[in-house]
N, C-alpha and C. Protein backbone atom coordinates (compact mmCIF):
# COMPACT_ATOMS: atom_id res chain seq x y z
N MET A 1 0.83 -1.18 0.00
CA MET A 1 0.00 0.00 0.00
C MET A 1 0.88 1.24 0.00
N ASN A 2 0.47 2.25 -0.74
CA ASN A 2 1.17 3.51 -0.76
C ASN A 2 0.87 4.28 0.51
N ILE A 3 1.91 4.90 1.07
CA ILE A 3 1.79 5.61 2.34
C ILE A 3 2.28 7.04 2.17
N ILE A 4 1.53 7.98 2.76
CA ILE A 4 1.94 9.38 2.82
C ILE A 4 2.10 9.74 4.29
N THR A 5 3.21 10.37 4.65
CA THR A 5 3.46 10.77 6.03
C THR A 5 3.23 12.27 6.16
N LEU A 6 2.44 12.65 7.15
CA LEU A 6 2.16 14.05 7.44
C LEU A 6 3.12 14.48 8.53
N LYS A 7 3.96 15.45 8.20
CA LYS A 7 4.99 15.91 9.12
C LYS A 7 4.47 17.10 9.95
N ASN A 8 5.08 17.29 11.10
CA ASN A 8 4.67 18.37 12.00
C ASN A 8 4.80 19.75 11.38
N ASP A 9 5.74 19.91 10.44
CA ASP A 9 5.93 21.21 9.79
C ASP A 9 5.00 21.42 8.60
N GLY A 10 4.02 20.52 8.42
CA GLY A 10 3.03 20.67 7.36
C GLY A 10 3.39 19.99 6.05
N LEU A 11 4.57 19.45 5.95
CA LEU A 11 4.98 18.81 4.70
C LEU A 11 4.40 17.41 4.58
N LEU A 12 4.19 16.99 3.34
CA LEU A 12 3.80 15.63 3.00
C LEU A 12 5.04 14.92 2.49
N VAL A 13 5.25 13.69 2.98
CA VAL A 13 6.43 12.92 2.57
C VAL A 13 5.98 11.56 2.07
N HIS A 14 6.48 11.21 0.87
CA HIS A 14 6.20 9.90 0.27
C HIS A 14 7.51 9.28 -0.15
N ASP A 15 7.75 8.04 0.26
CA ASP A 15 8.99 7.33 -0.05
C ASP A 15 10.23 8.14 0.31
N GLY A 16 10.17 8.84 1.46
CA GLY A 16 11.32 9.62 1.93
C GLY A 16 11.53 10.94 1.22
N LYS A 17 10.66 11.28 0.28
CA LYS A 17 10.81 12.53 -0.47
C LYS A 17 9.63 13.46 -0.19
N THR A 18 9.94 14.73 -0.03
CA THR A 18 8.91 15.74 0.19
C THR A 18 8.07 15.91 -1.07
N VAL A 19 6.77 15.93 -0.89
CA VAL A 19 5.86 16.20 -2.00
C VAL A 19 5.93 17.69 -2.29
N GLU A 20 6.37 18.03 -3.50
CA GLU A 20 6.53 19.44 -3.87
C GLU A 20 5.25 20.04 -4.42
N SER A 21 4.48 19.24 -5.14
CA SER A 21 3.24 19.75 -5.74
C SER A 21 2.29 18.57 -5.97
N GLU A 22 1.13 18.87 -6.47
CA GLU A 22 0.13 17.85 -6.80
C GLU A 22 -0.26 16.95 -5.62
N PRO A 23 -0.67 17.55 -4.49
CA PRO A 23 -1.03 16.72 -3.34
C PRO A 23 -2.28 15.87 -3.58
N LEU A 24 -3.10 16.24 -4.55
CA LEU A 24 -4.32 15.49 -4.81
C LEU A 24 -4.03 14.06 -5.27
N ALA A 25 -2.87 13.85 -5.88
CA ALA A 25 -2.50 12.51 -6.32
C ALA A 25 -2.32 11.56 -5.14
N PHE A 26 -2.15 12.11 -3.94
CA PHE A 26 -1.90 11.29 -2.75
C PHE A 26 -3.16 11.08 -1.90
N LEU A 27 -4.29 11.59 -2.34
CA LEU A 27 -5.53 11.45 -1.56
C LEU A 27 -5.90 10.00 -1.23
N PRO A 28 -5.68 9.02 -2.11
CA PRO A 28 -6.04 7.64 -1.75
C PRO A 28 -4.97 6.89 -0.95
N PHE A 29 -3.88 7.55 -0.61
CA PHE A 29 -2.78 6.90 0.10
C PHE A 29 -3.09 6.76 1.59
N LYS A 30 -2.58 5.69 2.19
CA LYS A 30 -2.67 5.51 3.64
C LYS A 30 -1.91 6.65 4.30
N THR A 31 -2.50 7.22 5.34
CA THR A 31 -1.90 8.35 6.05
C THR A 31 -1.26 7.90 7.35
N GLU A 32 -0.05 8.37 7.58
CA GLU A 32 0.62 8.20 8.86
C GLU A 32 0.99 9.58 9.37
N LEU A 33 0.92 9.76 10.69
CA LEU A 33 1.24 11.05 11.29
C LEU A 33 2.57 10.98 12.02
N GLU A 34 3.38 12.00 11.85
CA GLU A 34 4.61 12.10 12.63
C GLU A 34 4.23 12.27 14.10
N ASP A 35 5.02 11.71 15.01
CA ASP A 35 4.75 11.87 16.44
C ASP A 35 4.62 13.35 16.78
N GLY A 36 3.62 13.69 17.56
CA GLY A 36 3.41 15.06 17.97
C GLY A 36 2.63 15.90 16.97
N TYR A 37 2.07 15.27 15.94
CA TYR A 37 1.30 15.99 14.92
C TYR A 37 0.08 16.63 15.58
N THR A 38 -0.14 17.91 15.31
CA THR A 38 -1.23 18.66 15.94
C THR A 38 -2.20 19.20 14.88
N LEU A 39 -3.29 19.75 15.35
CA LEU A 39 -4.21 20.40 14.43
C LEU A 39 -3.53 21.60 13.76
N ARG A 40 -2.63 22.26 14.46
CA ARG A 40 -1.86 23.36 13.86
C ARG A 40 -1.00 22.82 12.71
N SER A 41 -0.42 21.63 12.89
CA SER A 41 0.36 21.00 11.81
C SER A 41 -0.51 20.81 10.58
N CYS A 42 -1.76 20.43 10.82
CA CYS A 42 -2.71 20.21 9.73
C CYS A 42 -2.98 21.52 8.98
N PHE A 43 -3.19 22.61 9.71
CA PHE A 43 -3.42 23.90 9.07
C PHE A 43 -2.18 24.39 8.34
N THR A 44 -1.01 24.08 8.87
CA THR A 44 0.24 24.42 8.18
C THR A 44 0.31 23.66 6.86
N MET A 45 -0.14 22.39 6.88
CA MET A 45 -0.20 21.60 5.65
C MET A 45 -1.12 22.28 4.63
N PHE A 46 -2.27 22.78 5.08
CA PHE A 46 -3.20 23.46 4.17
C PHE A 46 -2.57 24.72 3.59
N GLN A 47 -1.74 25.41 4.35
CA GLN A 47 -1.05 26.60 3.83
C GLN A 47 -0.01 26.20 2.78
N LYS A 48 0.68 25.11 3.02
CA LYS A 48 1.73 24.67 2.08
C LYS A 48 1.15 24.02 0.83
N TYR A 49 -0.03 23.42 0.97
CA TYR A 49 -0.68 22.74 -0.15
C TYR A 49 -2.11 23.28 -0.27
N PRO A 50 -2.25 24.52 -0.74
CA PRO A 50 -3.58 25.14 -0.78
C PRO A 50 -4.60 24.39 -1.65
N LEU A 51 -4.13 23.55 -2.56
CA LEU A 51 -5.06 22.77 -3.36
C LEU A 51 -5.92 21.85 -2.49
N LEU A 52 -5.39 21.40 -1.35
CA LEU A 52 -6.17 20.55 -0.44
C LEU A 52 -7.38 21.29 0.13
N THR A 53 -7.30 22.62 0.19
CA THR A 53 -8.42 23.39 0.75
C THR A 53 -9.61 23.43 -0.21
N LYS A 54 -9.44 22.96 -1.41
CA LYS A 54 -10.55 22.91 -2.37
C LYS A 54 -11.49 21.75 -2.06
N LEU A 55 -11.14 20.90 -1.09
CA LEU A 55 -11.95 19.73 -0.76
C LEU A 55 -13.19 20.07 0.07
N SER A 56 -13.28 21.30 0.59
CA SER A 56 -14.45 21.71 1.37
C SER A 56 -14.73 23.18 1.14
N PHE A 57 -16.01 23.50 1.04
CA PHE A 57 -16.41 24.90 0.88
C PHE A 57 -16.10 25.72 2.13
N PHE A 58 -15.86 25.08 3.25
CA PHE A 58 -15.65 25.77 4.51
C PHE A 58 -14.21 26.21 4.73
N PHE A 59 -13.27 25.75 3.91
CA PHE A 59 -11.87 26.07 4.15
C PHE A 59 -11.55 27.56 4.17
N PRO A 60 -12.14 28.41 3.33
CA PRO A 60 -11.81 29.84 3.46
C PRO A 60 -12.11 30.37 4.87
N ALA A 61 -13.23 29.96 5.46
CA ALA A 61 -13.55 30.41 6.82
C ALA A 61 -12.58 29.82 7.83
N TYR A 62 -12.19 28.53 7.67
CA TYR A 62 -11.23 27.91 8.59
C TYR A 62 -9.91 28.67 8.56
N MET A 63 -9.44 28.94 7.35
CA MET A 63 -8.13 29.56 7.20
C MET A 63 -8.13 30.98 7.77
N LYS A 64 -9.24 31.69 7.62
CA LYS A 64 -9.37 33.03 8.20
C LYS A 64 -9.30 32.95 9.72
N ARG A 65 -10.04 32.02 10.30
CA ARG A 65 -10.02 31.87 11.77
C ARG A 65 -8.64 31.43 12.25
N TYR A 66 -8.01 30.55 11.50
CA TYR A 66 -6.67 30.09 11.86
C TYR A 66 -5.69 31.26 11.91
N ALA A 67 -5.75 32.15 10.93
CA ALA A 67 -4.85 33.30 10.86
C ALA A 67 -5.04 34.23 12.06
N GLU A 68 -6.22 34.23 12.66
CA GLU A 68 -6.52 35.11 13.80
C GLU A 68 -6.16 34.48 15.16
N CYS A 69 -5.76 33.22 15.16
CA CYS A 69 -5.47 32.51 16.41
C CYS A 69 -4.07 32.83 16.92
N PRO A 70 -3.87 32.70 18.24
CA PRO A 70 -2.51 32.85 18.78
C PRO A 70 -1.57 31.81 18.16
N ARG A 71 -0.28 32.10 18.16
CA ARG A 71 0.72 31.22 17.53
C ARG A 71 1.07 29.99 18.38
N ASN A 72 0.64 29.96 19.63
CA ASN A 72 0.88 28.78 20.47
C ASN A 72 -0.05 28.82 21.68
N GLY A 73 -0.05 27.74 22.44
CA GLY A 73 -0.86 27.67 23.65
C GLY A 73 -2.34 27.42 23.41
N CYS A 74 -2.70 26.97 22.23
CA CYS A 74 -4.12 26.76 21.88
C CYS A 74 -4.54 25.34 22.26
N ILE A 75 -4.83 25.15 23.55
CA ILE A 75 -5.21 23.84 24.05
C ILE A 75 -6.38 23.97 25.02
N THR A 76 -6.94 22.84 25.38
CA THR A 76 -7.94 22.76 26.43
C THR A 76 -7.53 21.65 27.39
N SER A 77 -7.93 21.79 28.64
CA SER A 77 -7.64 20.74 29.61
C SER A 77 -8.79 19.73 29.69
N ASP A 78 -9.82 19.91 28.85
CA ASP A 78 -10.98 19.02 28.89
C ASP A 78 -10.69 17.63 28.32
N PHE A 79 -9.65 17.51 27.51
CA PHE A 79 -9.25 16.21 26.98
C PHE A 79 -7.76 16.22 26.68
N THR A 80 -7.21 15.03 26.42
CA THR A 80 -5.76 14.90 26.26
C THR A 80 -5.29 15.01 24.81
N HIS A 81 -6.14 14.63 23.86
CA HIS A 81 -5.74 14.67 22.45
C HIS A 81 -6.99 14.65 21.57
N LEU A 82 -6.79 14.84 20.29
CA LEU A 82 -7.85 14.75 19.29
C LEU A 82 -7.68 13.40 18.59
N GLU A 83 -8.81 12.82 18.18
CA GLU A 83 -8.72 11.51 17.54
C GLU A 83 -9.69 11.41 16.38
N LEU A 84 -9.16 10.95 15.27
CA LEU A 84 -9.96 10.65 14.09
C LEU A 84 -10.28 9.17 14.13
N SER A 85 -11.55 8.83 14.00
CA SER A 85 -11.95 7.42 14.03
C SER A 85 -13.02 7.18 12.98
N LYS A 86 -13.30 5.90 12.74
CA LYS A 86 -14.33 5.51 11.79
C LYS A 86 -15.38 4.70 12.53
N THR A 87 -16.60 4.77 12.02
CA THR A 87 -17.69 3.95 12.57
C THR A 87 -18.44 3.30 11.42
N VAL A 88 -18.71 2.01 11.59
CA VAL A 88 -19.60 1.27 10.70
C VAL A 88 -20.77 0.88 11.57
N GLU A 89 -21.96 1.35 11.20
CA GLU A 89 -23.12 1.10 12.05
C GLU A 89 -24.27 0.51 11.23
N MET A 90 -24.75 -0.63 11.70
CA MET A 90 -25.93 -1.23 11.10
C MET A 90 -27.14 -0.69 11.87
N ILE A 91 -28.11 -0.11 11.13
CA ILE A 91 -29.28 0.48 11.78
C ILE A 91 -30.54 0.06 11.03
N GLY A 92 -31.69 0.39 11.61
CA GLY A 92 -32.96 0.19 10.93
C GLY A 92 -33.59 -1.17 11.10
N PHE A 93 -33.24 -1.90 12.13
CA PHE A 93 -33.85 -3.21 12.33
C PHE A 93 -34.70 -3.16 13.58
N PRO A 94 -35.91 -3.60 13.67
CA PRO A 94 -36.62 -4.20 12.53
C PRO A 94 -37.01 -3.12 11.53
N GLY A 95 -37.35 -3.54 10.38
CA GLY A 95 -37.64 -2.61 9.29
C GLY A 95 -36.65 -2.84 8.18
N LYS A 96 -36.31 -1.76 7.52
CA LYS A 96 -35.36 -1.84 6.40
C LYS A 96 -33.95 -1.54 6.92
N PRO A 97 -33.13 -2.57 7.10
CA PRO A 97 -31.79 -2.34 7.63
C PRO A 97 -30.91 -1.59 6.63
N GLN A 98 -30.01 -0.80 7.18
CA GLN A 98 -29.05 -0.09 6.34
C GLN A 98 -27.71 -0.02 7.07
N LEU A 99 -26.69 0.30 6.31
CA LEU A 99 -25.34 0.38 6.83
C LEU A 99 -24.84 1.81 6.64
N GLU A 100 -24.39 2.43 7.73
CA GLU A 100 -23.82 3.78 7.64
C GLU A 100 -22.35 3.70 8.00
N ILE A 101 -21.54 4.38 7.23
CA ILE A 101 -20.10 4.44 7.46
C ILE A 101 -19.72 5.90 7.54
N TYR A 102 -19.08 6.30 8.64
CA TYR A 102 -18.72 7.70 8.79
C TYR A 102 -17.44 7.85 9.61
N THR A 103 -16.84 9.04 9.47
CA THR A 103 -15.63 9.38 10.18
C THR A 103 -15.98 10.37 11.28
N SER A 104 -15.34 10.23 12.43
CA SER A 104 -15.54 11.15 13.55
C SER A 104 -14.21 11.77 13.93
N PHE A 105 -14.28 12.99 14.43
CA PHE A 105 -13.10 13.69 14.92
C PHE A 105 -13.49 14.30 16.25
N ASP A 106 -12.95 13.76 17.34
CA ASP A 106 -13.37 14.13 18.68
C ASP A 106 -12.17 14.42 19.57
N GLY A 107 -12.45 15.09 20.68
CA GLY A 107 -11.49 15.22 21.75
C GLY A 107 -11.60 13.98 22.62
N ILE A 108 -10.48 13.45 23.09
CA ILE A 108 -10.50 12.24 23.90
C ILE A 108 -9.86 12.53 25.25
N GLY A 109 -10.60 12.22 26.31
CA GLY A 109 -10.10 12.34 27.68
C GLY A 109 -10.42 11.04 28.39
N GLY A 110 -9.41 10.27 28.73
CA GLY A 110 -9.65 8.94 29.28
C GLY A 110 -10.25 8.08 28.18
N ASN A 111 -11.38 7.47 28.45
CA ASN A 111 -12.09 6.68 27.44
C ASN A 111 -13.29 7.43 26.88
N GLN A 112 -13.41 8.70 27.21
CA GLN A 112 -14.57 9.49 26.83
C GLN A 112 -14.28 10.33 25.59
N ALA A 113 -15.19 10.28 24.61
CA ALA A 113 -15.09 11.14 23.44
C ALA A 113 -15.91 12.40 23.68
N CYS A 114 -15.39 13.53 23.25
CA CYS A 114 -16.05 14.82 23.45
C CYS A 114 -16.19 15.50 22.09
N GLU A 115 -17.43 15.90 21.74
CA GLU A 115 -17.64 16.59 20.47
C GLU A 115 -16.89 17.92 20.46
N LEU A 116 -16.34 18.27 19.32
CA LEU A 116 -15.51 19.47 19.22
C LEU A 116 -16.29 20.72 18.85
N LYS A 117 -17.55 20.59 18.47
CA LYS A 117 -18.26 21.75 17.95
C LYS A 117 -18.42 22.89 18.96
N ARG A 118 -18.34 22.61 20.23
CA ARG A 118 -18.46 23.69 21.22
C ARG A 118 -17.12 24.30 21.61
N TYR A 119 -16.03 23.79 21.03
CA TYR A 119 -14.70 24.30 21.33
C TYR A 119 -14.21 25.16 20.18
N PRO A 120 -13.80 26.40 20.46
CA PRO A 120 -13.26 27.23 19.38
C PRO A 120 -11.90 26.72 18.94
N LEU A 121 -11.53 27.07 17.75
CA LEU A 121 -10.24 26.67 17.19
C LEU A 121 -9.09 27.07 18.12
N GLU A 122 -9.26 28.18 18.82
CA GLU A 122 -8.23 28.68 19.73
C GLU A 122 -7.94 27.71 20.87
N ASN A 123 -8.82 26.73 21.11
CA ASN A 123 -8.59 25.74 22.15
C ASN A 123 -8.19 24.38 21.59
N LEU A 124 -7.98 24.29 20.29
CA LEU A 124 -7.72 22.99 19.68
C LEU A 124 -6.42 22.90 18.89
N LEU A 125 -5.91 24.01 18.41
CA LEU A 125 -4.80 23.99 17.46
C LEU A 125 -3.56 23.24 17.92
N ASP A 126 -3.23 23.33 19.19
CA ASP A 126 -2.00 22.70 19.65
C ASP A 126 -2.23 21.35 20.34
N MET A 127 -3.41 20.79 20.13
CA MET A 127 -3.73 19.45 20.63
C MET A 127 -3.20 18.43 19.62
N THR A 128 -2.56 17.37 20.11
CA THR A 128 -2.06 16.34 19.20
C THR A 128 -3.23 15.55 18.60
N ILE A 129 -3.01 15.05 17.41
CA ILE A 129 -4.00 14.24 16.71
C ILE A 129 -3.49 12.80 16.65
N ARG A 130 -4.39 11.87 16.91
CA ARG A 130 -4.09 10.45 16.77
C ARG A 130 -5.10 9.83 15.82
N LEU A 131 -4.67 8.79 15.15
CA LEU A 131 -5.57 8.04 14.29
C LEU A 131 -6.13 6.88 15.11
N GLY A 132 -7.44 6.84 15.24
CA GLY A 132 -8.09 5.84 16.08
C GLY A 132 -8.48 4.59 15.32
N LYS A 133 -9.38 3.86 15.91
CA LYS A 133 -9.82 2.58 15.36
C LYS A 133 -11.16 2.72 14.64
N LEU A 134 -11.57 1.64 14.02
CA LEU A 134 -12.88 1.53 13.42
C LEU A 134 -13.79 0.87 14.45
N LYS A 135 -14.92 1.51 14.71
CA LYS A 135 -15.90 0.95 15.65
C LYS A 135 -17.04 0.36 14.84
N HIS A 136 -17.44 -0.86 15.19
CA HIS A 136 -18.55 -1.51 14.51
C HIS A 136 -19.69 -1.64 15.51
N ILE A 137 -20.82 -0.98 15.18
CA ILE A 137 -21.99 -0.99 16.05
C ILE A 137 -23.10 -1.73 15.31
N VAL A 138 -23.69 -2.72 15.96
CA VAL A 138 -24.73 -3.53 15.33
C VAL A 138 -26.10 -3.13 15.88
N PHE A 139 -26.94 -2.60 15.02
CA PHE A 139 -28.31 -2.22 15.34
C PHE A 139 -28.43 -1.38 16.61
N GLY A 140 -27.56 -0.40 16.73
CA GLY A 140 -27.65 0.54 17.83
C GLY A 140 -27.19 0.02 19.17
N ASP A 141 -26.68 -1.20 19.24
CA ASP A 141 -26.24 -1.79 20.51
C ASP A 141 -24.88 -1.21 20.88
N LYS A 142 -24.87 -0.13 21.65
CA LYS A 142 -23.62 0.54 22.00
C LYS A 142 -22.91 -0.15 23.16
N VAL A 143 -23.51 -1.21 23.70
CA VAL A 143 -22.87 -1.97 24.77
C VAL A 143 -21.77 -2.86 24.18
N ASP A 144 -22.07 -3.52 23.10
CA ASP A 144 -21.10 -4.41 22.46
C ASP A 144 -20.57 -3.77 21.18
N ILE A 145 -19.69 -2.81 21.34
CA ILE A 145 -19.06 -2.17 20.20
C ILE A 145 -17.76 -2.92 19.92
N PHE A 146 -17.61 -3.34 18.68
CA PHE A 146 -16.39 -4.03 18.27
C PHE A 146 -15.42 -2.99 17.72
N GLU A 147 -14.15 -3.10 18.05
CA GLU A 147 -13.15 -2.17 17.55
C GLU A 147 -12.09 -2.91 16.75
N PHE A 148 -11.68 -2.30 15.64
CA PHE A 148 -10.72 -2.91 14.73
C PHE A 148 -9.66 -1.90 14.35
N GLU A 149 -8.46 -2.38 14.10
CA GLU A 149 -7.42 -1.54 13.51
C GLU A 149 -7.91 -1.15 12.11
N THR A 150 -7.56 0.03 11.67
CA THR A 150 -7.98 0.49 10.35
C THR A 150 -6.94 1.46 9.80
N ILE A 151 -7.12 1.86 8.59
CA ILE A 151 -6.27 2.89 7.99
C ILE A 151 -7.14 4.08 7.62
N PHE A 152 -6.51 5.22 7.43
CA PHE A 152 -7.17 6.42 6.96
C PHE A 152 -6.42 6.90 5.73
N THR A 153 -7.15 7.20 4.67
CA THR A 153 -6.51 7.79 3.51
C THR A 153 -6.33 9.29 3.78
N LEU A 154 -5.51 9.92 2.97
CA LEU A 154 -5.34 11.37 3.12
C LEU A 154 -6.68 12.07 2.91
N PHE A 155 -7.49 11.59 1.96
CA PHE A 155 -8.81 12.20 1.75
C PHE A 155 -9.67 12.07 3.00
N GLU A 156 -9.73 10.88 3.60
CA GLU A 156 -10.53 10.68 4.81
C GLU A 156 -10.03 11.57 5.95
N PHE A 157 -8.73 11.74 6.05
CA PHE A 157 -8.15 12.58 7.08
C PHE A 157 -8.60 14.04 6.90
N VAL A 158 -8.40 14.58 5.71
CA VAL A 158 -8.76 15.98 5.46
C VAL A 158 -10.27 16.17 5.55
N ASP A 159 -11.02 15.30 4.91
CA ASP A 159 -12.48 15.43 4.91
C ASP A 159 -13.08 15.25 6.30
N GLY A 160 -12.56 14.30 7.07
CA GLY A 160 -13.07 14.07 8.42
C GLY A 160 -12.88 15.27 9.33
N ILE A 161 -11.72 15.90 9.25
CA ILE A 161 -11.46 17.09 10.05
C ILE A 161 -12.30 18.26 9.53
N ALA A 162 -12.36 18.41 8.21
CA ALA A 162 -13.14 19.51 7.62
C ALA A 162 -14.61 19.42 8.02
N TRP A 163 -15.16 18.22 8.01
CA TRP A 163 -16.57 18.04 8.34
C TRP A 163 -16.87 18.50 9.76
N VAL A 164 -16.05 18.08 10.71
CA VAL A 164 -16.30 18.44 12.11
C VAL A 164 -16.09 19.94 12.33
N LEU A 165 -15.05 20.50 11.74
CA LEU A 165 -14.81 21.94 11.92
C LEU A 165 -15.89 22.79 11.25
N SER A 166 -16.59 22.23 10.28
CA SER A 166 -17.64 23.00 9.60
C SER A 166 -18.76 23.40 10.56
N PHE A 167 -18.93 22.66 11.66
CA PHE A 167 -19.95 23.01 12.64
C PHE A 167 -19.55 24.22 13.47
N GLN A 168 -18.28 24.62 13.39
CA GLN A 168 -17.81 25.81 14.11
C GLN A 168 -17.87 27.06 13.24
N THR A 169 -17.96 26.89 11.94
CA THR A 169 -17.83 28.05 11.06
C THR A 169 -19.08 28.32 10.24
N GLY A 170 -20.18 27.67 10.59
CA GLY A 170 -21.41 27.85 9.83
C GLY A 170 -22.00 29.22 10.03
N PRO A 171 -23.11 29.52 9.34
CA PRO A 171 -23.76 30.80 9.50
C PRO A 171 -24.25 31.00 10.94
N LEU A 172 -24.47 32.24 11.31
CA LEU A 172 -24.89 32.58 12.65
C LEU A 172 -26.10 31.79 13.09
N GLU A 173 -27.05 31.56 12.18
CA GLU A 173 -28.26 30.81 12.52
C GLU A 173 -27.92 29.42 13.06
N CYS A 174 -26.86 28.84 12.55
CA CYS A 174 -26.47 27.48 12.96
C CYS A 174 -25.74 27.50 14.29
N GLN A 175 -25.27 28.66 14.73
CA GLN A 175 -24.48 28.75 15.95
C GLN A 175 -25.29 29.25 17.14
N LEU A 176 -26.57 29.54 16.96
CA LEU A 176 -27.38 30.12 18.03
C LEU A 176 -27.49 29.23 19.26
N ARG A 177 -27.34 27.93 19.11
CA ARG A 177 -27.47 27.01 20.25
C ARG A 177 -26.34 27.14 21.24
N ARG A 178 -25.25 27.77 20.89
CA ARG A 178 -24.08 27.82 21.76
C ARG A 178 -24.34 28.60 23.01
């Protein structure tokens, strides 16, 4: 399998060589993170490879907010790290069963996942990111959740983070619940 490594300084590395251009060619590659990779590292990657920001309509707002954030100290004590994970969930039984597959990006403290939508970017940028497992939930039974090792492609990594951050940058009407 082809592997792309995301470095703390925002660079993409494939086969020991820095990706100079055309990051979209690496979207289907397995992603590995350098130790200590943070959300700030991710935004630095978006600055170095602006073509990746075309993957979501929300990136202009993210990048504007990022530019307004302090250069360090952007953490929260509510959790220890951020984690990208996948879920495969069978739902709709009895009735018409269906399978949903989605990516989550949460704050993790102990064994507890915390939604990020109530945390401003200023409290997340310097939190380390880890790649989590795939959770398999059968018909809503959250007692017996099966966990599996999995991989994340560069597309899943960027899209998963973009999706969760989109709940922080939506129109005012969407933020009234805060």
